[in-house]
Protein backbone atom coordinates (compact mmCIF):
# COMPACT_ATOMS: atom_id res chain seq x y z
CA MET A 1 -18.78 17.24 -10.80
CA ILE A 2 -19.37 14.83 -7.86
CA GLU A 3 -19.43 17.83 -5.57
CA ASN A 4 -22.46 19.12 -7.52
CA LEU A 5 -24.49 16.16 -6.52
CA LEU A 6 -25.26 17.78 -3.09
CA ASP A 7 -27.31 20.40 -4.69
CA ILE A 8 -29.36 17.65 -6.45
CA TYR A 9 -29.95 15.74 -3.40
CA SER A 10 -31.55 18.45 -1.31
CA ASN A 11 -32.44 22.06 -1.85
CA LYS A 12 -32.24 22.84 1.77
CA ILE A 13 -29.94 20.88 4.09
CA PRO A 14 -30.40 21.65 7.79
CA ALA A 15 -27.75 23.27 9.77
CA PHE A 16 -27.41 20.38 12.18
CA LEU A 17 -26.24 18.12 9.57
CA TYR A 18 -23.49 20.53 8.55
CA GLU A 19 -22.57 21.09 12.18
CA ILE A 20 -22.12 17.26 12.68
CA ALA A 21 -20.36 16.96 9.51
CA ASP A 22 -17.93 19.68 10.80
CA SER A 23 -16.92 17.41 13.75
CA PRO A 24 -13.26 16.19 13.81
CA GLN A 25 -14.68 12.53 13.53
CA MET A 26 -16.43 13.29 10.29
CA LEU A 27 -13.80 15.66 8.78
CA ARG A 28 -11.35 12.73 8.99
CA LEU A 29 -13.41 11.13 6.25
CA LYS A 30 -12.15 13.64 3.79
CA GLY A 31 -8.86 11.66 3.88
CA ILE A 32 -10.66 8.30 3.19
CA GLY A 33 -11.47 7.54 -0.50
CA MET A 34 -14.43 5.71 -2.02
CA ASN A 35 -12.30 3.62 -4.31
CA CYS A 36 -10.70 1.59 -1.41
CA GLY A 37 -7.05 2.37 -2.58
CA CYS A 38 -7.62 1.51 -6.18
CA GLU A 39 -7.04 5.10 -7.14
CA TYR A 40 -3.37 4.77 -5.99
CA THR A 41 -2.74 2.14 -8.53
CA SER A 42 -1.86 2.52 -12.21
CA PHE A 43 -4.76 0.62 -13.67
CA PRO A 44 -6.15 2.66 -16.44
CA LEU A 45 -9.77 2.33 -15.02
CA PHE A 46 -8.83 4.10 -11.79
CA LYS A 47 -6.27 6.50 -12.89
CA GLY A 48 -7.47 9.97 -13.21
CA LEU A 49 -10.65 9.52 -11.33
CA GLU A 50 -12.16 12.55 -9.78
CA PRO A 51 -11.45 12.68 -5.99
CA TYR A 52 -14.39 11.09 -4.11
CA SER A 53 -14.13 10.89 -0.33
CA ARG A 54 -16.20 9.08 2.24
CA PHE A 55 -16.93 12.52 3.62
CA THR A 56 -18.57 13.66 0.32
CA HIS A 57 -20.47 10.27 0.21
CA SER A 58 -21.59 10.54 3.78
CA LEU A 59 -22.93 14.09 3.47
CA GLY A 60 -24.81 13.02 0.38
CA VAL A 61 -26.38 10.19 2.10
CA GLY A 62 -27.60 12.50 4.91
CA ALA A 63 -28.95 14.86 2.37
CA ILE A 64 -30.89 12.11 0.59
CA VAL A 65 -32.34 10.76 3.84
CA TRP A 66 -33.40 14.25 4.81
CA ASN A 67 -34.93 15.06 1.40
CA PHE A 68 -37.11 11.89 1.48
CA THR A 69 -37.86 11.85 5.35
CA HIS A 70 -37.31 15.27 7.00
CA ASP A 71 -36.54 13.22 10.06
CA ALA A 72 -33.29 14.32 11.95
CA LYS A 73 -32.61 10.94 13.51
CA GLN A 74 -32.75 9.08 10.17
CA ALA A 75 -30.73 11.75 8.43
CA ILE A 76 -28.13 11.82 11.12
CA ALA A 77 -27.85 8.08 11.04
CA GLY A 78 -27.20 8.37 7.29
CA LEU A 79 -24.63 11.04 7.70
CA LEU A 80 -22.69 9.01 10.34
CA HIS A 81 -22.94 5.61 8.66
CA ASP A 82 -19.30 5.72 7.55
CA VAL A 83 -17.76 7.48 10.45
CA ALA A 84 -15.97 4.31 11.47
CA SER A 85 -14.46 3.69 7.99
CA PRO A 86 -10.59 2.97 8.34
CA ALA A 87 -8.20 3.98 5.74
CA PHE A 88 -8.66 2.23 2.41
CA ALA A 89 -12.28 1.27 3.76
CA HIS A 90 -13.18 -2.22 2.51
CA VAL A 91 -9.53 -3.17 2.07
CA ILE A 92 -9.60 -3.71 5.88
CA ASP A 93 -12.56 -6.09 5.46
CA PHE A 94 -10.37 -8.08 3.01
CA MET A 95 -7.61 -7.99 5.57
CA LYS A 96 -10.02 -9.36 8.23
CA GLY A 97 -11.47 -12.11 5.89
CA ASP A 98 -14.84 -10.18 5.48
CA TYR A 99 -14.57 -9.87 1.76
CA LEU A 100 -17.95 -11.26 1.16
CA VAL A 101 -20.15 -9.40 3.59
CA GLN A 102 -17.80 -6.19 3.90
CA GLU A 103 -19.15 -4.91 7.18
CA SER A 104 -16.36 -5.35 9.60
CA THR A 105 -15.43 -1.76 9.15
CA GLU A 106 -18.61 -0.68 10.98
CA GLU A 107 -17.44 -2.12 14.29
CA ARG A 108 -16.36 1.17 15.98
CA THR A 109 -19.35 3.35 14.91
CA SER A 110 -21.03 3.76 18.17
CA SER A 111 -17.84 4.29 20.20
CA ILE A 112 -16.60 6.90 17.73
CA ILE A 113 -19.99 8.81 17.89
CA ALA A 114 -19.96 8.57 21.77
CA SER A 115 -16.46 10.03 22.01
CA SER A 116 -17.29 13.24 20.08
CA VAL A 117 -18.21 16.15 22.27
CA GLN A 118 -19.43 18.08 19.31
CA ILE A 119 -21.80 15.34 17.88
CA CYS A 120 -23.15 14.43 21.32
CA ARG A 121 -23.90 18.06 22.10
CA ILE A 122 -25.96 18.36 18.85
CA LEU A 123 -27.72 15.05 19.61
CA LYS A 124 -28.60 16.26 23.03
CA PHE A 125 -29.98 19.64 21.53
CA LEU A 126 -32.12 17.57 19.24
CA GLY A 127 -33.31 15.30 22.00
CA LEU A 128 -31.51 12.29 20.45
CA PHE A 129 -29.24 9.50 21.78
CA VAL A 130 -26.19 7.86 20.35
CA GLU A 131 -28.27 4.72 19.88
CA ASP A 132 -30.75 6.62 17.72
CA VAL A 133 -28.05 7.34 15.16
CA SER A 134 -25.40 4.78 15.34
CA ASP A 135 -27.00 2.08 13.38
CA TYR A 136 -28.49 3.20 10.02
CA HIS A 137 -29.58 -0.42 9.23
CA LEU A 138 -32.71 0.55 11.50
CA TYR A 139 -33.96 2.92 8.77
CA PRO A 140 -34.92 1.43 5.45
CA VAL A 141 -34.67 4.65 3.57
CA ALA A 142 -31.01 4.98 4.79
CA ASP A 143 -30.23 1.32 4.34
CA ASN A 144 -31.86 -1.90 3.64
CA ASP A 145 -31.09 -5.48 2.45
CA SER A 146 -29.46 -5.65 -1.07
CA PRO A 147 -30.57 -5.55 -3.86
CA ARG A 148 -33.21 -2.96 -2.67
CA LEU A 149 -32.45 0.80 -3.24
CA SER A 150 -31.44 2.74 -0.20
CA ALA A 151 -29.90 6.25 0.32
CA ASP A 152 -26.40 4.66 0.80
CA ARG A 153 -26.54 2.60 -2.40
CA LEU A 154 -28.18 5.45 -4.29
CA GLU A 155 -25.48 7.96 -3.44
CA TYR A 156 -22.33 5.95 -4.17
CA THR A 157 -24.06 4.75 -7.46
CA MET A 158 -24.86 8.33 -8.65
CA GLY A 159 -21.22 9.23 -7.61
CA ASN A 160 -19.81 6.24 -9.56
CA ILE A 161 -22.05 6.65 -12.55
CA LEU A 162 -20.37 10.03 -12.99
CA ASN A 163 -16.85 9.03 -11.94
CA TYR A 164 -16.70 5.88 -14.23
CA LYS A 165 -18.42 7.89 -17.02
CA PHE A 166 -21.38 5.63 -17.36
CA GLY A 167 -23.70 8.64 -17.44
CA SER A 168 -23.97 12.38 -17.17
CA LEU A 169 -24.94 14.78 -14.70
CA GLU A 170 -28.12 15.28 -16.51
CA ASP A 171 -28.75 11.50 -16.28
CA VAL A 172 -28.42 11.67 -12.46
CA LYS A 173 -30.71 14.48 -12.22
CA ARG A 174 -33.31 12.60 -14.30
CA PHE A 175 -32.94 9.55 -12.14
CA TYR A 176 -33.15 11.47 -8.86
CA GLY A 177 -36.14 13.42 -9.85
CA ASN A 178 -38.11 10.26 -10.54
CA LEU A 179 -37.71 8.87 -7.00
CA LYS A 180 -40.04 8.86 -4.12
CA VAL A 181 -40.52 6.88 -1.00
CA ALA A 182 -43.28 4.33 -1.36
CA GLU A 183 -44.32 0.84 -0.04
CA ASN A 184 -42.56 -1.96 -1.92
CA GLY A 185 -43.84 -5.50 -2.70
CA GLU A 186 -42.97 -6.63 0.93
CA GLY A 187 -44.91 -3.94 2.46
CA GLN A 188 -41.85 -1.90 3.60
CA GLU A 189 -40.82 1.69 2.81
CA GLU A 190 -38.34 1.95 0.09
CA ILE A 191 -36.86 4.65 -2.24
CA CYS A 192 -38.74 3.63 -5.37
CA PHE A 193 -38.91 5.05 -9.05
CA SER A 194 -42.19 6.26 -10.53
CA ASP A 195 -41.41 5.60 -14.17
CA GLU A 196 -40.46 1.95 -15.26
CA GLN A 197 -38.22 3.06 -18.15
CA ILE A 198 -36.11 5.37 -16.10
CA ALA A 199 -35.83 2.75 -13.39
CA GLU A 200 -34.71 0.15 -15.99
CA GLU A 201 -31.88 2.63 -17.30
CA PHE A 202 -30.71 3.27 -13.76
CA ALA A 203 -30.65 -0.53 -12.87
CA TYR A 204 -28.47 -1.22 -15.87
CA LYS A 205 -26.00 1.62 -15.03
CA ALA A 206 -25.96 0.47 -11.33
CA LEU A 207 -25.05 -2.91 -12.62
CA GLU A 208 -22.08 -1.67 -14.74
CA CYS A 209 -20.92 -0.04 -11.51
CA GLY A 210 -21.34 -3.33 -9.61
CA LYS A 211 -19.14 -5.05 -12.29
CA VAL A 212 -16.42 -2.59 -11.50
CA TYR A 213 -16.56 -3.28 -7.87
CA VAL A 214 -15.66 -6.92 -8.50
CA CYS A 215 -13.55 -6.69 -11.63
CA ASP A 216 -10.26 -8.32 -11.61
CA ALA A 217 -8.30 -5.13 -11.16
CA ASP A 218 -10.45 -3.94 -8.10
CA ARG A 219 -10.29 -7.40 -6.37
CA TYR A 220 -6.59 -7.77 -6.85
CA ALA A 221 -5.68 -4.22 -5.85
CA MET A 222 -7.85 -4.48 -2.62
CA GLN A 223 -6.38 -7.98 -1.75
CA TYR A 224 -2.71 -6.96 -2.48
CA LEU A 225 -3.08 -3.82 -0.48
CA SER A 226 -4.73 -5.73 2.50
CA GLU A 227 -1.67 -7.93 2.57
CA ILE A 228 0.79 -4.86 2.48
CA VAL A 229 -1.25 -3.51 5.46
CA ARG A 230 -1.23 -6.73 7.37
CA ARG A 231 2.50 -7.14 7.06
CA ALA A 232 3.14 -3.44 8.23
CA ILE A 233 1.04 -4.29 11.25
CA LEU A 234 3.06 -7.21 11.95
CA ARG A 235 6.25 -5.31 11.67
CA GLY A 236 4.86 -2.62 13.93
CA THR A 237 5.03 0.26 11.49
CA VAL A 238 1.27 0.57 11.13
CA THR A 239 -1.21 0.02 14.26
CA GLU A 240 -4.95 -0.78 14.22
CA ASP A 241 -5.55 2.71 15.64
CA LEU A 242 -3.58 4.32 12.91
CA LEU A 243 -6.04 2.88 10.40
CA TYR A 244 -8.60 5.23 11.91
CA THR A 245 -6.76 8.34 11.01
CA THR A 246 -6.30 9.14 7.30
CA GLU A 247 -4.91 7.36 4.31
CA ARG A 248 -2.14 9.85 4.00
CA GLN A 249 -1.01 9.10 7.52
CA VAL A 250 -1.17 5.34 7.05
CA ILE A 251 0.78 5.72 3.77
CA ASP A 252 3.47 7.70 5.56
CA ALA A 253 3.82 5.07 8.17
CA LEU A 254 3.75 2.31 5.44
CA VAL A 255 6.80 3.89 3.67
CA SER A 256 8.67 4.62 6.82
CA ASP A 257 10.90 1.42 6.41
CA GLY A 258 12.58 -0.08 3.45
CA GLU A 259 10.03 -3.16 3.09
CA GLY A 260 7.04 -0.93 3.41
CA GLU A 261 8.41 1.60 0.91
CA ALA A 262 9.12 -1.16 -1.64
CA ASP A 263 5.55 -2.70 -1.06
CA TRP A 264 3.86 0.66 -1.56
CA LYS A 265 5.83 1.26 -4.71
CA ARG A 266 4.80 -2.06 -6.23
CA PHE A 267 1.22 -1.45 -5.35
CA CYS A 268 1.25 1.85 -7.04
CA ARG A 269 2.82 0.41 -10.09
CA LEU A 270 0.07 -2.20 -10.63
CA SER A 271 -1.39 -1.69 -14.00
CA ALA A 272 -2.87 -4.99 -15.08
CA THR A 273 -3.84 -8.52 -14.14
CA GLU A 274 -3.82 -11.80 -15.80
CA ALA A 275 -5.67 -15.03 -15.11
CA VAL A 276 -3.36 -17.95 -14.33
CA GLY A 277 -4.42 -21.32 -15.80
CA ARG A 278 -7.62 -22.09 -17.57
CA ARG A 279 -10.24 -19.42 -17.22
CA GLU A 280 -14.15 -19.65 -17.80
CA SER A 281 -15.58 -18.38 -20.93
CA GLY A 282 -17.22 -15.08 -20.47
CA ALA A 283 -13.83 -13.61 -19.16
CA SER A 284 -14.18 -10.29 -17.60
CA VAL A 285 -17.02 -10.05 -14.99
CA ALA A 286 -17.03 -6.23 -15.61
CA GLY A 287 -17.54 -6.43 -19.32
CA VAL A 288 -17.14 -2.58 -19.74
CA ALA A 289 -15.15 -1.00 -22.52
CA GLY A 290 -11.48 -0.67 -21.75
CA GLU A 291 -11.98 -2.53 -18.30
CA ALA A 292 -8.45 -2.78 -16.79
CA GLY A 293 -9.23 -5.92 -14.89
CA GLU A 294 -9.67 -7.93 -18.16
CA ALA A 295 -7.36 -10.94 -18.41
CA GLY A 296 -4.06 -10.09 -19.95
CA GLU A 297 -4.85 -6.30 -20.48
CA GLY A 298 -1.71 -4.35 -21.13
CA LYS A 299 0.34 -7.46 -21.12
CA ALA A 300 2.88 -6.41 -23.71
CA ASP A 301 4.08 -3.41 -21.48
CA CYS A 302 3.95 -5.38 -18.26
CA LYS A 303 7.46 -6.43 -17.47
CA ASP A 304 7.71 -6.39 -13.64
CA TYR A 305 6.54 -9.82 -12.54
CA VAL A 306 6.86 -9.42 -8.78
CA TYR A 307 3.34 -10.02 -7.77
CA PRO A 308 1.77 -12.90 -6.07
CA VAL A 309 -0.92 -15.21 -7.57
CA ARG A 310 -4.25 -15.14 -5.66
CA MET A 311 -7.76 -16.53 -6.05
CA ILE A 312 -9.90 -13.59 -4.82
CA ARG A 313 -13.60 -13.53 -4.05
CA ALA A 314 -15.66 -10.40 -3.37
CA LYS A 315 -19.09 -9.23 -2.55
CA LYS A 316 -21.22 -8.71 -5.70
CA ARG A 317 -23.18 -5.56 -5.51
CA TYR A 318 -26.23 -4.58 -7.75
CA ILE A 319 -29.55 -2.76 -7.37
CA ASP A 320 -32.86 -4.16 -8.44
CA PRO A 321 -35.05 -0.97 -7.96
CA TYR A 322 -38.81 -1.03 -7.19
CA VAL A 323 -41.08 0.76 -9.42
CA ALA A 324 -43.94 2.10 -7.41
CA GLY A 325 -47.21 -0.03 -7.86
CA LYS A 326 -45.60 -2.28 -10.48
CA GLY A 327 -42.82 -4.29 -9.05
CA ARG A 328 -38.95 -4.70 -9.22
CA VAL A 329 -37.23 -4.11 -12.54
CA SER A 330 -36.15 -7.70 -12.61
CA GLU A 331 -39.79 -8.69 -12.64
CA LEU A 332 -40.59 -6.13 -15.33
CA CYS A 333 -37.61 -6.56 -17.57
CA THR A 334 -36.50 -9.91 -18.72
CA GLY A 335 -33.31 -8.55 -20.18
CA PHE A 336 -32.25 -7.00 -16.92
CA ARG A 337 -33.18 -10.22 -15.13
CA ASN A 338 -30.98 -12.24 -17.34
CA ALA A 339 -28.14 -9.69 -16.94
CA VAL A 340 -28.27 -9.94 -13.12
CA GLU A 341 -28.41 -13.74 -13.17
CA LYS A 342 -25.25 -13.94 -15.50
CA PHE A 343 -23.57 -11.47 -13.05
CA LYS A 344 -24.34 -13.48 -9.97
CA SER A 345 -23.39 -16.74 -11.52
CA PHE A 346 -19.91 -15.43 -12.51
CA SER A 347 -17.36 -17.55 -10.71
CA PHE A 348 -14.32 -16.10 -9.02
CA GLU A 349 -12.73 -19.60 -9.01
CA TYR A 350 -9.67 -18.78 -10.89
CA ARG A 351 -6.26 -17.27 -9.81
CA LEU A 352 -5.01 -13.73 -10.77
CA GLU A 353 -1.48 -12.41 -11.13
CA GLY A 354 -0.79 -8.79 -10.91
CA LYS A 355 1.56 -7.05 -13.45
CA SER A 356 3.01 -3.52 -13.76
CA ALA A 357 4.53 -1.52 -16.55
CA LEU A 358 8.12 -0.18 -15.49
C-alpha cells in the first residue's frame, strides 16, 4: 500500500528524478528501513509492518516537492536528503549521542553526492551544482523547522499513517488533495491545508505517529541496538564505513562472531518493556491501542531477563499544520493544542528494562 503513495504525490514525475534515484548511492537506500531497526524486534507494534525503505521515502519526498514547486533544484534536494542515511538510520544518532536533534546522520550528504558520477552528470546537464542540492534545509517546501509541515514530514507521516493503521489510503488521498503552498503566519512559504477540519484530522493522526516514534518500545529498541553496534565497532567486526552500506550487510558483520550473534538474537527477541521504579501517572507516551511500549505489556510471557536498564530520551516529533489564511491548527483547535502540550510535557525521566518471550 505504501508503494501506491507515489501515484498520489505526483501524476508526472520527471525522468531526471528517476535517473538520480537509479544511482548506486540512492539504490543503497532500498536496504535501509524507515523504522530504524525496530522492525527486526518482536514488539507487537512493529512486527508485520509493511516494508518501508528510505529509498521509497526519498522518492516520495522528491515527488512531493516537484508537485508543489516544479523546481528541479528543490525536488532533487528533497530526493537526496537521506542519501547519507546509515544502516538503522537514527539508531546511529543514538550511538553518537544525538538522540534529541537526530541530524548527525546527515554529515556525509555532500561528499556522497559529489562522489557519484551518475548524479553529478545529471546535475551538470541541468545546470546545477552539488551545493544546490546537498542541503534540503534551504528549501522550506522540502524541509523547515518543526512543527511546520514540509515534504519530508508529510511523506513519512503519510507512510506511517498507513503502516501503523491510523488511517486508510482514502484518508491519505483526502489529506493530500487539500494541500497547497501558501504563505504562513511568519511570511514564509509552507505546505498548507485549505480546509480547517481536514487539517485538524491530519494533525491528530500525525500526533499519534509522533507518539509511536518516542514510545517505550521504540526508544528502548533504538538505544539497545545502538549499544550493540557500538560494541561491534569496538571489537572491529563493524566499521564506520560499513554503516554506509545496507542493513543486511551490517547484520551479517554483527553476527560474524559469537558475541555479536548473541547480541543480535537478544535484540530480535525483544518484545516488551517495563518501567523500573515509580513512574509518572499518564503511563505510555504513545497512548495508542495495543501499544507495545506500554509499561509491563506482555509481562506474563517475558521470561528472558537479560536486558539492561536504561533511562532513554528522544526527539519528540509532531506537526502543527497551517491552514491558509487562518492560522495553525493549535491556534484554531483548543483540543489539539492541549493534546500537543500534554505530549510535549511528558517526561522521559524513568528507567526502562527490556524483556523478551522465549
